[in-house]
Amino acid sequence: MDKFRSRKVQIQTPEADRNNGETETLEPENRSRPSENNVSEDQEPFMGMKVRRRASLHRDYRGDYLDVPSQYALMKILDKQGDRKVLFADKVLKFTGSGKMKRRVLLITESTIYIVSPETGALKRRIALNAVEKLCLSELSDNFFAIVIPSEFDILMASTRKSEIVTVLVDAIKSLSDYELEVAFSNTFEYHAAADLIKEVLFEEVEGGIKTRIVVK
């Protein structure tokens, strides 16, 4: 159908910010084909189900990639909320309900997720960790993940540090409430892009990498 259009973006260095169609086709920069040797069978929370890049198995986790204490706008947000300990901070690619892709700062503390505009320093969203029900990921080697929040609406993001983000969220929520956060793996999953808008993310292994499509249900 003419109203369905597709486009490609480089997830490693996202620049696109427009989307005029109802279907998005996205391809990450990673072109290597996953192999059995990339599967981690003993590292939580991936439980051997996730095909992971070899580099992600040996990467040292730093947590704060933005030097938050030196960022006035970020510290102002944390101070206002009485939050001090940053478990993770980095820029990510966030998908809006209308299908646009926006650069955002993702901050994770011991109790809260913050989504901040890197250009203005404005707080775009604040989510309590105890409101998160589960995380959705594909079984392939890509950068996408969805945070499912039943009481609000979900978040779809992409990051080259996805493995670290998932691990931080699982550990933080377990420390906060002794609740084992569900990490669901499927090459097709749905998420609520807005209160009344459901989208489906589909992953397919193709020659040269992973093809990702986002469609309106």
N, C-alpha and C. Protein backbone atom coordinates (compact mmCIF):
# COMPACT_ATOMS: atom_id res chain seq x y z
N MET A 1 0.84 -1.20 0.00
CA MET A 1 0.00 0.00 0.00
C MET A 1 0.87 1.24 0.00
N ASP A 2 0.41 2.30 -0.69
CA ASP A 2 1.22 3.49 -0.84
C ASP A 2 1.52 4.18 0.47
N LYS A 3 0.61 4.04 1.44
CA LYS A 3 0.84 4.78 2.69
C LYS A 3 1.94 4.16 3.54
N PHE A 4 2.35 2.95 3.21
CA PHE A 4 3.42 2.31 3.96
C PHE A 4 4.74 2.59 3.27
N ARG A 5 5.65 3.20 3.99
CA ARG A 5 6.97 3.52 3.47
C ARG A 5 8.01 2.95 4.40
N SER A 6 9.21 2.79 3.91
CA SER A 6 10.27 2.27 4.77
C SER A 6 11.51 3.11 4.60
N ARG A 7 12.36 3.04 5.61
CA ARG A 7 13.63 3.75 5.54
C ARG A 7 14.64 3.02 6.39
N LYS A 8 15.90 3.36 6.22
CA LYS A 8 16.98 2.73 6.96
C LYS A 8 17.72 3.79 7.76
N VAL A 9 18.16 3.43 8.94
CA VAL A 9 19.00 4.32 9.73
C VAL A 9 20.17 3.53 10.26
N GLN A 10 21.25 4.24 10.57
CA GLN A 10 22.39 3.63 11.22
C GLN A 10 22.19 3.78 12.72
N ILE A 11 21.86 2.70 13.39
CA ILE A 11 21.55 2.79 14.82
C ILE A 11 22.75 3.24 15.62
N GLN A 12 23.96 2.92 15.19
CA GLN A 12 25.15 3.30 15.94
C GLN A 12 25.31 4.82 15.97
N THR A 13 24.95 5.48 14.88
CA THR A 13 25.08 6.94 14.80
C THR A 13 23.79 7.52 14.24
N PRO A 14 22.70 7.49 15.01
CA PRO A 14 21.39 7.89 14.50
C PRO A 14 21.33 9.38 14.20
N GLU A 15 20.88 9.72 13.00
CA GLU A 15 20.74 11.12 12.62
C GLU A 15 19.31 11.43 12.19
N ALA A 16 18.58 10.41 11.68
CA ALA A 16 17.26 10.67 11.15
C ALA A 16 16.31 11.11 12.25
N ASP A 17 15.38 11.98 11.89
CA ASP A 17 14.45 12.48 12.90
C ASP A 17 13.04 12.61 12.35
N ARG A 18 12.82 12.11 11.13
CA ARG A 18 11.52 12.26 10.52
C ARG A 18 10.98 10.90 10.15
N ASN A 19 9.64 10.78 10.16
CA ASN A 19 9.00 9.55 9.74
C ASN A 19 7.60 9.88 9.26
N ASN A 20 7.35 9.67 7.96
CA ASN A 20 6.06 10.04 7.40
C ASN A 20 5.16 8.84 7.16
N GLY A 21 5.63 7.64 7.42
CA GLY A 21 4.82 6.47 7.15
C GLY A 21 4.44 5.74 8.41
N GLU A 22 3.76 4.63 8.26
CA GLU A 22 3.31 3.86 9.39
C GLU A 22 4.15 2.61 9.59
N THR A 23 5.09 2.37 8.69
CA THR A 23 6.00 1.25 8.83
C THR A 23 7.42 1.75 8.77
N GLU A 24 8.26 1.31 9.68
CA GLU A 24 9.65 1.72 9.71
C GLU A 24 10.53 0.49 9.53
N THR A 25 11.52 0.58 8.68
CA THR A 25 12.49 -0.49 8.54
C THR A 25 13.83 0.06 8.97
N LEU A 26 14.44 -0.58 9.95
CA LEU A 26 15.68 -0.06 10.51
C LEU A 26 16.72 -1.15 10.49
N GLU A 27 17.93 -0.80 10.14
CA GLU A 27 19.01 -1.75 10.12
C GLU A 27 20.17 -1.23 10.94
N PRO A 28 20.63 -1.97 11.95
CA PRO A 28 21.78 -1.53 12.73
C PRO A 28 23.05 -1.62 11.93
N GLU A 29 24.07 -0.93 12.40
CA GLU A 29 25.33 -0.88 11.69
C GLU A 29 26.06 -2.21 11.73
N ASN A 30 25.77 -3.02 12.75
CA ASN A 30 26.42 -4.31 12.88
C ASN A 30 26.13 -5.18 11.68
N ARG A 31 27.15 -5.65 10.98
CA ARG A 31 26.97 -6.47 9.80
C ARG A 31 27.44 -7.90 9.98
N SER A 32 27.94 -8.22 11.15
CA SER A 32 28.45 -9.58 11.36
C SER A 32 27.32 -10.52 11.68
N ARG A 33 27.38 -11.72 11.16
CA ARG A 33 26.35 -12.72 11.39
C ARG A 33 26.60 -13.40 12.73
N PRO A 34 25.57 -13.48 13.60
CA PRO A 34 25.76 -14.13 14.88
C PRO A 34 26.14 -15.59 14.72
N SER A 35 26.91 -16.10 15.65
CA SER A 35 27.28 -17.51 15.62
C SER A 35 27.03 -18.12 16.98
N GLU A 36 27.11 -19.45 17.05
CA GLU A 36 26.88 -20.14 18.31
C GLU A 36 27.87 -19.68 19.38
N ASN A 37 29.07 -19.26 18.96
CA ASN A 37 30.09 -18.86 19.93
C ASN A 37 29.76 -17.55 20.62
N ASN A 38 28.77 -16.83 20.13
CA ASN A 38 28.40 -15.56 20.74
C ASN A 38 27.32 -15.71 21.80
N VAL A 39 26.86 -16.92 22.03
CA VAL A 39 25.78 -17.13 22.98
C VAL A 39 26.34 -17.32 24.39
N SER A 40 25.82 -16.51 25.31
CA SER A 40 26.20 -16.66 26.71
C SER A 40 25.14 -17.47 27.42
N GLU A 41 25.51 -18.63 27.97
CA GLU A 41 24.54 -19.52 28.58
C GLU A 41 24.44 -19.32 30.09
N ASP A 42 25.34 -18.55 30.67
CA ASP A 42 25.36 -18.47 32.12
C ASP A 42 25.29 -17.05 32.67
N GLN A 43 25.12 -16.07 31.79
CA GLN A 43 25.12 -14.69 32.27
C GLN A 43 23.69 -14.17 32.38
N GLU A 44 23.26 -13.86 33.58
CA GLU A 44 21.94 -13.27 33.80
C GLU A 44 22.01 -11.80 33.39
N PRO A 45 20.90 -11.21 32.92
CA PRO A 45 19.58 -11.82 32.82
C PRO A 45 19.29 -12.42 31.46
N PHE A 46 20.30 -12.76 30.68
CA PHE A 46 20.08 -13.21 29.31
C PHE A 46 19.83 -14.71 29.21
N MET A 47 20.19 -15.48 30.20
CA MET A 47 19.78 -16.87 30.35
C MET A 47 20.08 -17.73 29.13
N GLY A 48 21.09 -17.37 28.37
CA GLY A 48 21.48 -18.18 27.23
C GLY A 48 20.59 -18.04 26.02
N MET A 49 19.55 -17.19 26.10
CA MET A 49 18.59 -17.07 25.01
C MET A 49 18.99 -16.01 24.00
N LYS A 50 19.84 -15.08 24.42
CA LYS A 50 20.15 -13.94 23.59
C LYS A 50 21.45 -14.15 22.82
N VAL A 51 21.41 -14.02 21.50
CA VAL A 51 22.62 -14.04 20.70
C VAL A 51 23.31 -12.70 20.89
N ARG A 52 24.47 -12.70 21.49
CA ARG A 52 25.13 -11.45 21.85
C ARG A 52 26.43 -11.28 21.10
N ARG A 53 26.77 -10.03 20.80
CA ARG A 53 28.05 -9.75 20.17
C ARG A 53 29.17 -10.17 21.11
N ARG A 54 30.24 -10.70 20.54
CA ARG A 54 31.37 -11.12 21.36
C ARG A 54 31.89 -9.96 22.19
N ALA A 55 31.91 -8.75 21.62
CA ALA A 55 32.43 -7.60 22.35
C ALA A 55 31.61 -7.31 23.61
N SER A 56 30.29 -7.56 23.56
CA SER A 56 29.45 -7.25 24.71
C SER A 56 29.69 -8.21 25.86
N LEU A 57 30.26 -9.39 25.58
CA LEU A 57 30.52 -10.36 26.64
C LEU A 57 31.71 -9.95 27.48
N HIS A 58 32.59 -9.14 26.92
CA HIS A 58 33.83 -8.80 27.62
C HIS A 58 33.95 -7.30 27.89
N ARG A 59 32.88 -6.55 27.63
CA ARG A 59 32.93 -5.11 27.81
C ARG A 59 32.85 -4.77 29.30
N ASP A 60 33.70 -3.85 29.72
CA ASP A 60 33.64 -3.37 31.10
C ASP A 60 32.52 -2.34 31.22
N TYR A 61 31.65 -2.52 32.21
CA TYR A 61 30.55 -1.61 32.42
C TYR A 61 31.02 -0.42 33.27
N ARG A 62 30.82 0.78 32.74
CA ARG A 62 31.23 1.99 33.46
C ARG A 62 30.07 2.65 34.19
N GLY A 63 28.86 2.45 33.70
CA GLY A 63 27.68 3.04 34.33
C GLY A 63 27.43 4.46 33.86
N ASP A 64 28.23 5.40 34.32
CA ASP A 64 28.06 6.80 33.97
C ASP A 64 28.99 7.16 32.82
N TYR A 65 28.42 7.27 31.62
CA TYR A 65 29.22 7.61 30.43
C TYR A 65 29.15 9.10 30.11
N LEU A 66 28.47 9.87 30.94
CA LEU A 66 28.29 11.29 30.68
C LEU A 66 28.93 12.18 31.74
N ASP A 67 29.55 11.57 32.74
CA ASP A 67 30.10 12.34 33.86
C ASP A 67 29.02 13.25 34.44
N VAL A 68 27.96 12.62 34.93
CA VAL A 68 26.78 13.35 35.41
C VAL A 68 27.12 14.44 36.43
N PRO A 69 28.03 14.22 37.40
CA PRO A 69 28.33 15.29 38.37
C PRO A 69 28.79 16.60 37.73
N SER A 70 29.31 16.52 36.51
CA SER A 70 29.76 17.74 35.83
C SER A 70 28.69 18.35 34.94
N GLN A 71 27.52 17.72 34.86
CA GLN A 71 26.43 18.20 34.01
C GLN A 71 25.40 18.94 34.86
N TYR A 72 25.40 20.25 34.78
CA TYR A 72 24.54 21.07 35.64
C TYR A 72 23.06 20.71 35.48
N ALA A 73 22.60 20.58 34.23
CA ALA A 73 21.17 20.32 33.99
C ALA A 73 20.75 18.99 34.57
N LEU A 74 21.59 17.97 34.42
CA LEU A 74 21.26 16.65 34.95
C LEU A 74 21.27 16.65 36.48
N MET A 75 22.25 17.29 37.05
CA MET A 75 22.33 17.34 38.51
C MET A 75 21.15 18.13 39.10
N LYS A 76 20.69 19.15 38.40
CA LYS A 76 19.54 19.94 38.86
C LYS A 76 18.31 19.05 38.93
N ILE A 77 18.13 18.17 37.92
CA ILE A 77 16.99 17.25 37.91
C ILE A 77 17.09 16.28 39.08
N LEU A 78 18.26 15.71 39.27
CA LEU A 78 18.44 14.73 40.34
C LEU A 78 18.27 15.37 41.72
N ASP A 79 18.82 16.56 41.89
CA ASP A 79 18.70 17.26 43.17
C ASP A 79 17.24 17.56 43.50
N LYS A 80 16.48 17.95 42.48
CA LYS A 80 15.07 18.27 42.70
C LYS A 80 14.29 17.05 43.16
N GLN A 81 14.68 15.89 42.68
CA GLN A 81 13.99 14.65 43.04
C GLN A 81 14.61 13.97 44.26
N GLY A 82 15.69 14.54 44.76
CA GLY A 82 16.37 13.93 45.90
C GLY A 82 17.11 12.67 45.54
N ASP A 83 17.50 12.56 44.27
CA ASP A 83 18.20 11.38 43.77
C ASP A 83 19.69 11.70 43.63
N ARG A 84 20.54 10.80 44.05
CA ARG A 84 21.96 11.09 44.00
C ARG A 84 22.78 10.02 43.29
N LYS A 85 22.48 8.75 43.56
CA LYS A 85 23.32 7.69 43.03
C LYS A 85 22.90 7.30 41.62
N VAL A 86 23.76 7.57 40.64
CA VAL A 86 23.48 7.25 39.24
C VAL A 86 24.07 5.88 38.92
N LEU A 87 23.21 4.97 38.49
CA LEU A 87 23.65 3.63 38.11
C LEU A 87 24.03 3.55 36.64
N PHE A 88 23.36 4.36 35.82
CA PHE A 88 23.65 4.37 34.38
C PHE A 88 23.29 5.73 33.81
N ALA A 89 24.12 6.23 32.88
CA ALA A 89 23.84 7.48 32.19
C ALA A 89 24.50 7.44 30.82
N ASP A 90 23.69 7.65 29.79
CA ASP A 90 24.24 7.67 28.44
C ASP A 90 23.18 8.21 27.49
N LYS A 91 23.59 8.59 26.30
CA LYS A 91 22.65 9.00 25.27
C LYS A 91 22.14 7.76 24.54
N VAL A 92 20.85 7.78 24.22
CA VAL A 92 20.20 6.67 23.53
C VAL A 92 19.33 7.24 22.41
N LEU A 93 18.78 6.33 21.63
CA LEU A 93 17.81 6.70 20.60
C LEU A 93 16.44 6.25 21.08
N LYS A 94 15.51 7.19 21.20
CA LYS A 94 14.16 6.87 21.67
C LYS A 94 13.16 7.05 20.53
N PHE A 95 12.21 6.13 20.45
CA PHE A 95 11.18 6.19 19.42
C PHE A 95 9.90 6.78 20.02
N THR A 96 9.40 7.83 19.42
CA THR A 96 8.21 8.51 19.92
C THR A 96 6.96 7.79 19.43
N GLY A 97 5.81 8.16 20.01
CA GLY A 97 4.56 7.55 19.58
C GLY A 97 4.23 7.81 18.13
N SER A 98 4.66 8.95 17.61
CA SER A 98 4.39 9.29 16.21
C SER A 98 5.37 8.64 15.25
N GLY A 99 6.37 7.95 15.79
CA GLY A 99 7.32 7.25 14.93
C GLY A 99 8.63 7.97 14.72
N LYS A 100 8.77 9.16 15.29
CA LYS A 100 10.03 9.88 15.17
C LYS A 100 11.09 9.26 16.06
N MET A 101 12.34 9.50 15.72
CA MET A 101 13.46 9.03 16.53
C MET A 101 14.14 10.24 17.14
N LYS A 102 14.29 10.22 18.44
CA LYS A 102 14.87 11.35 19.15
C LYS A 102 16.07 10.91 19.98
N ARG A 103 17.11 11.72 19.96
CA ARG A 103 18.22 11.48 20.88
C ARG A 103 17.78 11.89 22.28
N ARG A 104 18.03 11.05 23.24
CA ARG A 104 17.68 11.34 24.61
C ARG A 104 18.79 10.88 25.55
N VAL A 105 18.84 11.49 26.71
CA VAL A 105 19.71 11.02 27.78
C VAL A 105 18.90 10.08 28.65
N LEU A 106 19.43 8.89 28.86
CA LEU A 106 18.80 7.91 29.75
C LEU A 106 19.58 7.88 31.06
N LEU A 107 18.89 8.23 32.15
CA LEU A 107 19.48 8.16 33.49
C LEU A 107 18.74 7.10 34.28
N ILE A 108 19.49 6.22 34.92
CA ILE A 108 18.89 5.22 35.82
C ILE A 108 19.53 5.38 37.19
N THR A 109 18.67 5.57 38.19
CA THR A 109 19.16 5.66 39.56
C THR A 109 18.63 4.44 40.33
N GLU A 110 18.81 4.44 41.62
CA GLU A 110 18.38 3.30 42.43
C GLU A 110 16.86 3.13 42.49
N SER A 111 16.12 4.18 42.10
CA SER A 111 14.66 4.10 42.19
C SER A 111 13.92 4.60 40.97
N THR A 112 14.63 5.22 40.02
CA THR A 112 13.93 5.96 38.97
C THR A 112 14.65 5.89 37.63
N ILE A 113 13.84 5.96 36.56
CA ILE A 113 14.35 6.14 35.20
C ILE A 113 14.01 7.57 34.77
N TYR A 114 14.99 8.29 34.25
CA TYR A 114 14.78 9.64 33.75
C TYR A 114 15.09 9.67 32.26
N ILE A 115 14.21 10.33 31.49
CA ILE A 115 14.45 10.58 30.06
C ILE A 115 14.59 12.09 29.90
N VAL A 116 15.75 12.53 29.40
CA VAL A 116 16.07 13.96 29.37
C VAL A 116 16.48 14.37 27.96
N SER A 117 16.10 15.57 27.55
CA SER A 117 16.54 16.11 26.27
C SER A 117 18.00 16.53 26.38
N PRO A 118 18.88 16.01 25.51
CA PRO A 118 20.29 16.40 25.59
C PRO A 118 20.54 17.83 25.11
N GLU A 119 19.62 18.37 24.31
CA GLU A 119 19.80 19.72 23.79
C GLU A 119 19.41 20.79 24.82
N THR A 120 18.29 20.57 25.49
CA THR A 120 17.76 21.60 26.40
C THR A 120 17.97 21.25 27.88
N GLY A 121 18.23 19.99 28.17
CA GLY A 121 18.35 19.56 29.56
C GLY A 121 17.01 19.42 30.25
N ALA A 122 15.92 19.47 29.47
CA ALA A 122 14.58 19.37 30.04
C ALA A 122 14.22 17.91 30.33
N LEU A 123 13.58 17.69 31.47
CA LEU A 123 13.11 16.36 31.83
C LEU A 123 11.88 16.02 31.00
N LYS A 124 11.97 14.97 30.19
CA LYS A 124 10.88 14.56 29.33
C LYS A 124 9.96 13.53 29.98
N ARG A 125 10.57 12.70 30.82
CA ARG A 125 9.76 11.67 31.47
C ARG A 125 10.50 11.13 32.69
N ARG A 126 9.71 10.79 33.70
CA ARG A 126 10.25 10.22 34.92
C ARG A 126 9.41 8.99 35.26
N ILE A 127 10.06 7.84 35.41
CA ILE A 127 9.36 6.58 35.66
C ILE A 127 9.94 5.91 36.89
N ALA A 128 9.09 5.59 37.83
CA ALA A 128 9.53 4.85 39.02
C ALA A 128 9.88 3.42 38.61
N LEU A 129 10.97 2.91 39.13
CA LEU A 129 11.39 1.55 38.78
C LEU A 129 10.33 0.52 39.15
N ASN A 130 9.61 0.77 40.24
CA ASN A 130 8.60 -0.22 40.64
C ASN A 130 7.37 -0.21 39.74
N ALA A 131 7.33 0.69 38.74
CA ALA A 131 6.25 0.69 37.77
C ALA A 131 6.58 -0.15 36.54
N VAL A 132 7.84 -0.58 36.42
CA VAL A 132 8.28 -1.36 35.27
C VAL A 132 7.87 -2.82 35.46
N GLU A 133 7.18 -3.37 34.46
CA GLU A 133 6.71 -4.76 34.54
C GLU A 133 7.68 -5.74 33.91
N LYS A 134 8.23 -5.37 32.73
CA LYS A 134 9.16 -6.27 32.05
C LYS A 134 9.93 -5.53 30.97
N LEU A 135 10.95 -6.19 30.46
CA LEU A 135 11.72 -5.70 29.33
C LEU A 135 11.51 -6.66 28.16
N CYS A 136 11.42 -6.12 26.95
CA CYS A 136 11.26 -6.94 25.75
C CYS A 136 12.47 -6.75 24.83
N LEU A 137 13.06 -7.86 24.40
CA LEU A 137 14.20 -7.84 23.50
C LEU A 137 14.01 -8.93 22.46
N SER A 138 14.71 -8.79 21.35
CA SER A 138 14.73 -9.88 20.38
C SER A 138 15.74 -10.93 20.82
N GLU A 139 15.79 -12.03 20.10
CA GLU A 139 16.77 -13.07 20.38
C GLU A 139 18.03 -12.88 19.54
N LEU A 140 18.10 -11.78 18.78
CA LEU A 140 19.19 -11.55 17.85
C LEU A 140 20.14 -10.47 18.38
N SER A 141 21.17 -10.20 17.59
CA SER A 141 22.20 -9.26 18.00
C SER A 141 21.87 -7.87 17.46
N ASP A 142 20.98 -7.17 18.15
CA ASP A 142 20.57 -5.83 17.73
C ASP A 142 20.63 -4.90 18.94
N ASN A 143 20.20 -3.66 18.75
CA ASN A 143 20.33 -2.65 19.80
C ASN A 143 19.00 -2.24 20.44
N PHE A 144 17.91 -2.89 20.07
CA PHE A 144 16.59 -2.46 20.50
C PHE A 144 16.14 -3.10 21.81
N PHE A 145 15.39 -2.35 22.61
CA PHE A 145 14.75 -2.90 23.79
C PHE A 145 13.55 -2.05 24.15
N ALA A 146 12.53 -2.68 24.71
CA ALA A 146 11.33 -1.97 25.14
C ALA A 146 11.17 -2.14 26.64
N ILE A 147 10.82 -1.04 27.31
CA ILE A 147 10.52 -1.06 28.74
C ILE A 147 9.00 -0.98 28.87
N VAL A 148 8.40 -2.00 29.44
CA VAL A 148 6.94 -2.09 29.54
C VAL A 148 6.47 -1.55 30.88
N ILE A 149 5.59 -0.55 30.82
CA ILE A 149 5.10 0.15 32.02
C ILE A 149 3.57 0.17 31.95
N PRO A 150 2.89 -0.82 32.51
CA PRO A 150 1.43 -0.94 32.36
C PRO A 150 0.63 0.26 32.84
N SER A 151 1.08 0.93 33.87
CA SER A 151 0.32 2.04 34.43
C SER A 151 0.44 3.32 33.59
N GLU A 152 1.35 3.33 32.60
CA GLU A 152 1.53 4.50 31.76
C GLU A 152 1.53 4.05 30.30
N PHE A 153 2.61 4.30 29.61
CA PHE A 153 2.83 3.75 28.27
C PHE A 153 4.29 3.35 28.18
N ASP A 154 4.59 2.50 27.23
CA ASP A 154 5.91 1.87 27.17
C ASP A 154 6.93 2.75 26.47
N ILE A 155 8.19 2.30 26.52
CA ILE A 155 9.28 3.02 25.87
C ILE A 155 10.05 2.05 24.98
N LEU A 156 10.26 2.45 23.73
CA LEU A 156 11.14 1.69 22.83
C LEU A 156 12.39 2.51 22.59
N MET A 157 13.54 1.91 22.83
CA MET A 157 14.80 2.61 22.66
C MET A 157 15.82 1.71 21.96
N ALA A 158 16.90 2.33 21.52
CA ALA A 158 18.02 1.59 20.95
C ALA A 158 19.31 2.16 21.53
N SER A 159 20.21 1.26 21.89
CA SER A 159 21.49 1.68 22.45
C SER A 159 22.53 0.60 22.19
N THR A 160 23.75 1.02 21.91
CA THR A 160 24.84 0.06 21.77
C THR A 160 25.23 -0.52 23.12
N ARG A 161 24.71 0.05 24.19
CA ARG A 161 24.98 -0.45 25.55
C ARG A 161 23.74 -1.12 26.14
N LYS A 162 22.94 -1.72 25.29
CA LYS A 162 21.71 -2.35 25.73
C LYS A 162 21.94 -3.40 26.81
N SER A 163 22.96 -4.23 26.65
CA SER A 163 23.23 -5.29 27.63
C SER A 163 23.44 -4.70 29.02
N GLU A 164 24.17 -3.61 29.10
CA GLU A 164 24.42 -2.98 30.38
C GLU A 164 23.13 -2.38 30.95
N ILE A 165 22.33 -1.75 30.11
CA ILE A 165 21.07 -1.16 30.57
C ILE A 165 20.15 -2.23 31.16
N VAL A 166 20.03 -3.35 30.46
CA VAL A 166 19.17 -4.43 30.95
C VAL A 166 19.67 -4.95 32.28
N THR A 167 20.97 -5.17 32.39
CA THR A 167 21.55 -5.68 33.63
C THR A 167 21.34 -4.71 34.79
N VAL A 168 21.53 -3.41 34.52
CA VAL A 168 21.35 -2.40 35.57
C VAL A 168 19.90 -2.37 36.04
N LEU A 169 18.95 -2.42 35.11
CA LEU A 169 17.54 -2.38 35.48
C LEU A 169 17.13 -3.60 36.30
N VAL A 170 17.57 -4.77 35.86
CA VAL A 170 17.23 -6.00 36.59
C VAL A 170 17.78 -5.95 38.01
N ASP A 171 19.05 -5.55 38.14
CA ASP A 171 19.68 -5.51 39.47
C ASP A 171 19.06 -4.43 40.36
N ALA A 172 18.76 -3.27 39.77
CA ALA A 172 18.20 -2.17 40.56
C ALA A 172 16.82 -2.50 41.09
N ILE A 173 16.00 -3.10 40.24
CA ILE A 173 14.64 -3.44 40.66
C ILE A 173 14.66 -4.56 41.70
N LYS A 174 15.57 -5.50 41.55
CA LYS A 174 15.68 -6.56 42.55
C LYS A 174 16.14 -6.00 43.89
N SER A 175 17.06 -5.05 43.88
CA SER A 175 17.54 -4.44 45.11
C SER A 175 16.46 -3.58 45.76
N LEU A 176 15.63 -2.95 44.92
CA LEU A 176 14.61 -2.03 45.42
C LEU A 176 13.44 -2.76 46.06
N SER A 177 12.99 -3.85 45.42
CA SER A 177 11.76 -4.50 45.87
C SER A 177 11.84 -6.01 45.96
N ASP A 178 13.03 -6.56 45.75
CA ASP A 178 13.22 -8.00 45.74
C ASP A 178 12.34 -8.68 44.69
N TYR A 179 12.02 -7.92 43.63
CA TYR A 179 11.21 -8.42 42.52
C TYR A 179 12.11 -8.77 41.35
N GLU A 180 11.92 -9.95 40.80
CA GLU A 180 12.72 -10.39 39.66
C GLU A 180 12.08 -9.89 38.38
N LEU A 181 12.67 -8.87 37.79
CA LEU A 181 12.12 -8.28 36.58
C LEU A 181 12.14 -9.29 35.43
N GLU A 182 11.00 -9.41 34.76
CA GLU A 182 10.93 -10.33 33.61
C GLU A 182 11.66 -9.73 32.42
N VAL A 183 12.49 -10.53 31.78
CA VAL A 183 13.16 -10.15 30.54
C VAL A 183 12.67 -11.12 29.47
N ALA A 184 11.81 -10.64 28.57
CA ALA A 184 11.16 -11.49 27.57
C ALA A 184 11.88 -11.39 26.24
N PHE A 185 12.17 -12.55 25.66
CA PHE A 185 12.88 -12.60 24.38
C PHE A 185 11.96 -13.14 23.29
N SER A 186 11.81 -12.36 22.22
CA SER A 186 11.03 -12.80 21.08
C SER A 186 11.41 -11.94 19.88
N ASN A 187 11.41 -12.54 18.70
CA ASN A 187 11.74 -11.77 17.50
C ASN A 187 10.55 -10.98 16.98
N THR A 188 9.44 -11.04 17.72
CA THR A 188 8.27 -10.18 17.48
C THR A 188 7.68 -9.82 18.83
N PHE A 189 7.56 -8.55 19.12
CA PHE A 189 6.89 -8.17 20.36
C PHE A 189 6.13 -6.86 20.16
N GLU A 190 5.11 -6.65 21.01
CA GLU A 190 4.30 -5.45 20.95
C GLU A 190 4.64 -4.52 22.11
N TYR A 191 4.39 -3.25 21.90
CA TYR A 191 4.52 -2.28 22.99
C TYR A 191 3.53 -1.15 22.77
N HIS A 192 3.10 -0.52 23.86
CA HIS A 192 2.18 0.61 23.78
C HIS A 192 3.00 1.89 23.56
N ALA A 193 3.00 2.36 22.32
CA ALA A 193 3.74 3.58 22.00
C ALA A 193 3.04 4.81 22.59
N ALA A 194 1.75 4.69 22.86
CA ALA A 194 0.96 5.72 23.53
C ALA A 194 -0.20 4.99 24.20
N ALA A 195 -1.01 5.73 24.94
CA ALA A 195 -2.08 5.09 25.69
C ALA A 195 -3.01 4.27 24.80
N ASP A 196 -3.27 4.77 23.60
CA ASP A 196 -4.20 4.09 22.70
C ASP A 196 -3.53 3.67 21.39
N LEU A 197 -2.22 3.48 21.41
CA LEU A 197 -1.48 3.12 20.19
C LEU A 197 -0.55 1.95 20.47
N ILE A 198 -0.81 0.83 19.80
CA ILE A 198 0.04 -0.36 19.95
C ILE A 198 0.85 -0.54 18.68
N LYS A 199 2.15 -0.74 18.86
CA LYS A 199 3.02 -1.02 17.73
C LYS A 199 3.69 -2.39 17.92
N GLU A 200 4.07 -2.96 16.81
CA GLU A 200 4.73 -4.26 16.83
C GLU A 200 6.14 -4.11 16.24
N VAL A 201 7.12 -4.69 16.91
CA VAL A 201 8.50 -4.66 16.43
C VAL A 201 8.84 -6.06 15.94
N LEU A 202 9.33 -6.14 14.72
CA LEU A 202 9.66 -7.42 14.10
C LEU A 202 11.13 -7.44 13.71
N PHE A 203 11.81 -8.50 14.09
CA PHE A 203 13.23 -8.65 13.80
C PHE A 203 13.44 -9.84 12.87
N GLU A 204 14.33 -9.66 11.92
CA GLU A 204 14.62 -10.73 10.97
C GLU A 204 16.11 -10.75 10.68
N GLU A 205 16.68 -11.94 10.76
CA GLU A 205 18.09 -12.09 10.41
C GLU A 205 18.20 -12.20 8.89
N VAL A 206 18.95 -11.29 8.30
CA VAL A 206 19.14 -11.27 6.85
C VAL A 206 20.63 -11.26 6.55
N GLU A 207 20.95 -11.44 5.30
CA GLU A 207 22.36 -11.42 4.92
C GLU A 207 22.96 -10.06 5.24
N GLY A 208 24.02 -10.07 6.03
CA GLY A 208 24.71 -8.83 6.36
C GLY A 208 24.25 -8.18 7.66
N GLY A 209 23.26 -8.73 8.36
CA GLY A 209 22.85 -8.10 9.61
C GLY A 209 21.44 -8.47 10.03
N ILE A 210 20.81 -7.58 10.79
CA ILE A 210 19.48 -7.77 11.32
C ILE A 210 18.57 -6.67 10.77
N LYS A 211 17.43 -7.06 10.21
CA LYS A 211 16.45 -6.08 9.73
C LYS A 211 15.37 -5.94 10.79
N THR A 212 15.02 -4.70 11.12
CA THR A 212 14.01 -4.42 12.13
C THR A 212 12.90 -3.59 11.52
N ARG A 213 11.66 -4.01 11.74
CA ARG A 213 10.50 -3.24 11.28
C ARG A 213 9.61 -2.91 12.46
N ILE A 214 9.05 -1.71 12.42
CA ILE A 214 8.09 -1.28 13.44
C ILE A 214 6.79 -0.94 12.73
N VAL A 215 5.71 -1.63 13.08
CA VAL A 215 4.44 -1.45 12.38
C VAL A 215 3.34 -1.12 13.39
N VAL A 216 2.36 -0.38 12.93
CA VAL A 216 1.19 -0.04 13.74
C VAL A 216 0.24 -1.22 13.72
N LYS A 217 -0.21 -1.63 14.89
CA LYS A 217 -1.16 -2.75 14.97
C LYS A 217 -2.57 -2.29 14.63
